[in-house]
Amino acid sequence: MARIGRNKENYKPNDELYTPPWVFETLAIDFDLDVCSPVLGLPYLPAKKWFHAGDDGLVQEWQGRVWCNPPYSSPKLWIDKFIQHANGIMLINYSRSAAFLRLWNSDASIAALPSNMKFLNIMGELTSVMMPTALWAFGDKCVEAISRIGKVR
């Protein structure tokens, strides 16, 4: 998840964690757009284009198949836009939030990520997050891709 926020006050150090390469290797799918990217993108993330914090992916038009790993400190608007776009894969943690419940009650498919999943920090070191995470997908090819991670519901 890239640090995405419209101002520095929104920044949380734990938002600067990135999906590890094995996830993309396993998904074996290309994306048209990474909507929550670090400034220079991730070299191993198969996306043609990306939006970073300075672009504010929430106000940009999303086109094609998107990858979305939003900041865990403020996922609500990202979840809403992902549901509205309905074409891509989102990595998000489980929560009791109203936004998470909107995602749960949408037509998106879900596949749980391993409970011991580790992310990369800005130094390239593996680090854990405290909450379980899952991949959500809209679109047949995206649902097929997350099925390579685990059982899809």
Protein backbone atom coordinates (compact mmCIF):
# COMPACT_ATOMS: atom_id res chain seq x y z
CA MET A 1 0.00 0.00 0.00
CA ALA A 2 1.40 3.30 -0.93
CA ARG A 3 1.18 6.44 1.12
CA ILE A 4 -1.85 8.10 -0.37
CA GLY A 5 -3.32 11.17 1.20
CA ARG A 6 -4.19 14.64 0.15
CA ASN A 7 -1.99 16.20 2.82
CA LYS A 8 0.83 15.36 5.18
CA GLU A 9 -1.49 15.26 8.19
CA ASN A 10 -3.06 12.08 6.76
CA TYR A 11 0.28 10.28 6.54
CA LYS A 12 0.74 7.23 8.74
CA PRO A 13 4.07 5.32 8.62
CA ASN A 14 2.25 1.98 8.43
CA ASP A 15 0.64 3.11 5.17
CA GLU A 16 4.05 2.93 3.48
CA LEU A 17 3.98 -0.84 2.98
CA TYR A 18 4.02 -2.59 -0.37
CA THR A 19 2.55 -5.80 -1.71
CA PRO A 20 5.37 -8.36 -2.12
CA PRO A 21 6.32 -9.58 -5.62
CA TRP A 22 5.08 -13.15 -5.04
CA VAL A 23 1.48 -11.88 -5.03
CA PHE A 24 1.78 -10.53 -8.57
CA GLU A 25 3.71 -13.59 -9.73
CA THR A 26 0.89 -15.78 -8.42
CA LEU A 27 -1.92 -13.61 -9.81
CA ALA A 28 -0.28 -13.74 -13.27
CA ILE A 29 -2.37 -10.85 -14.57
CA ASP A 30 -1.54 -7.41 -15.94
CA PHE A 31 -3.20 -4.19 -14.82
CA ASP A 32 -3.91 -1.05 -16.76
CA LEU A 33 -3.53 1.11 -13.66
CA ASP A 34 -2.14 1.02 -10.11
CA VAL A 35 -4.24 3.65 -8.33
CA CYS A 36 -2.23 3.79 -5.04
CA SER A 37 1.38 3.58 -6.14
CA PRO A 38 4.60 4.85 -4.61
CA VAL A 39 5.97 7.84 -6.55
CA LEU A 40 8.09 5.75 -8.91
CA GLY A 41 5.77 2.76 -9.00
CA LEU A 42 6.86 -0.73 -8.07
CA PRO A 43 9.14 -2.28 -10.68
CA TYR A 44 7.59 -5.72 -10.22
CA LEU A 45 3.94 -4.58 -10.31
CA PRO A 46 2.59 -5.32 -13.80
CA ALA A 47 0.73 -2.05 -14.46
CA LYS A 48 0.94 0.14 -17.54
CA LYS A 49 0.31 3.33 -15.55
CA TRP A 50 0.13 4.41 -11.94
CA PHE A 51 -1.16 7.20 -9.73
CA HIS A 52 0.89 8.20 -6.70
CA ALA A 53 0.02 10.45 -3.76
CA GLY A 54 0.74 13.62 -5.74
CA ASP A 55 -1.74 12.50 -8.42
CA ASP A 56 -4.43 11.70 -5.84
CA GLY A 57 -5.90 8.56 -7.38
CA LEU A 58 -9.25 9.29 -5.78
CA VAL A 59 -9.90 12.28 -8.02
CA GLN A 60 -8.47 10.67 -11.17
CA GLU A 61 -10.54 8.69 -13.64
CA TRP A 62 -9.85 4.99 -13.33
CA GLN A 63 -9.71 3.10 -16.61
CA GLY A 64 -9.35 -0.58 -17.37
CA ARG A 65 -8.28 -3.22 -14.91
CA VAL A 66 -6.99 -1.62 -11.71
CA TRP A 67 -4.78 -2.71 -8.85
CA CYS A 68 -5.68 -1.01 -5.57
CA ASN A 69 -3.78 -1.47 -2.31
CA PRO A 70 -5.02 1.59 -0.42
CA PRO A 71 -3.70 3.03 2.83
CA TYR A 72 -5.14 1.05 5.72
CA SER A 73 -5.52 4.21 7.79
CA SER A 74 -8.15 5.61 5.41
CA PRO A 75 -9.58 3.00 3.00
CA LYS A 76 -13.24 4.16 2.93
CA LEU A 77 -13.13 6.34 -0.20
CA TRP A 78 -10.88 3.84 -1.99
CA ILE A 79 -13.32 1.02 -1.27
CA ASP A 80 -16.24 3.11 -2.52
CA LYS A 81 -14.43 4.03 -5.75
CA PHE A 82 -13.30 0.42 -6.27
CA ILE A 83 -16.90 -0.82 -5.97
CA GLN A 84 -18.07 1.87 -8.38
CA HIS A 85 -15.32 1.04 -10.90
CA ALA A 86 -15.96 -2.72 -10.63
CA ASN A 87 -12.96 -3.89 -12.66
CA GLY A 88 -9.82 -4.95 -10.85
CA ILE A 89 -8.28 -6.33 -7.69
CA MET A 90 -8.05 -4.67 -4.28
CA LEU A 91 -5.89 -5.77 -1.35
CA ILE A 92 -7.49 -4.67 1.90
CA ASN A 93 -7.55 -5.72 5.53
CA TYR A 94 -10.61 -7.14 7.24
CA SER A 95 -12.41 -4.71 9.52
CA ARG A 96 -15.77 -3.90 11.05
CA SER A 97 -16.08 -0.61 9.19
CA ALA A 98 -19.12 0.40 7.19
CA ALA A 99 -16.92 0.67 4.08
CA PHE A 100 -15.69 -2.91 4.52
CA LEU A 101 -19.29 -4.07 4.90
CA ARG A 102 -20.19 -2.29 1.64
CA LEU A 103 -17.40 -4.26 -0.05
CA TRP A 104 -18.58 -7.47 1.63
CA ASN A 105 -22.15 -6.87 0.43
CA SER A 106 -21.08 -5.95 -3.12
CA ASP A 107 -20.71 -8.36 -6.04
CA ALA A 108 -16.95 -8.59 -5.50
CA SER A 109 -15.32 -11.97 -4.98
CA ILE A 110 -12.84 -12.50 -2.14
CA ALA A 111 -9.79 -14.71 -1.52
CA ALA A 112 -8.00 -14.61 1.83
CA LEU A 113 -4.27 -14.00 1.86
CA PRO A 114 -2.04 -16.12 4.14
CA SER A 115 -2.32 -15.25 7.83
CA ASN A 116 1.46 -14.87 8.00
CA MET A 117 1.60 -12.51 5.00
CA LYS A 118 4.48 -10.07 5.09
CA PHE A 119 4.69 -6.77 3.23
CA LEU A 120 7.73 -4.78 2.13
CA ASN A 121 8.54 -1.52 3.92
CA ILE A 122 10.29 1.40 2.22
CA MET A 123 13.67 -0.15 3.11
CA GLY A 124 12.73 -3.38 1.30
CA GLU A 125 12.44 -5.34 4.56
CA LEU A 126 9.62 -7.78 5.21
CA THR A 127 7.17 -6.70 7.90
CA SER A 128 3.87 -7.98 9.24
CA VAL A 129 0.55 -6.19 9.63
CA MET A 130 -1.72 -6.79 12.60
CA MET A 131 -4.92 -7.48 10.68
CA PRO A 132 -5.77 -10.27 8.21
CA THR A 133 -5.85 -9.26 4.56
CA ALA A 134 -7.67 -10.42 1.46
CA LEU A 135 -7.89 -9.82 -2.25
CA TRP A 136 -11.20 -8.60 -3.66
CA ALA A 137 -11.97 -8.84 -7.36
CA PHE A 138 -14.44 -7.63 -9.93
CA GLY A 139 -14.37 -9.11 -13.44
CA ASP A 140 -13.95 -12.69 -14.60
CA LYS A 141 -10.19 -12.46 -15.28
CA CYS A 142 -9.58 -10.84 -11.90
CA VAL A 143 -11.64 -13.46 -10.07
CA GLU A 144 -9.70 -16.17 -11.89
CA ALA A 145 -6.43 -14.47 -10.87
CA ILE A 146 -7.28 -14.33 -7.15
CA SER A 147 -8.29 -18.00 -7.30
CA ARG A 148 -4.57 -18.71 -7.76
CA ILE A 149 -4.03 -17.30 -4.25
CA GLY A 150 -6.74 -19.34 -2.54
CA LYS A 151 -10.36 -20.34 -2.38
CA VAL A 152 -12.68 -17.69 -3.80
CA ARG A 153 -16.01 -16.80 -2.26
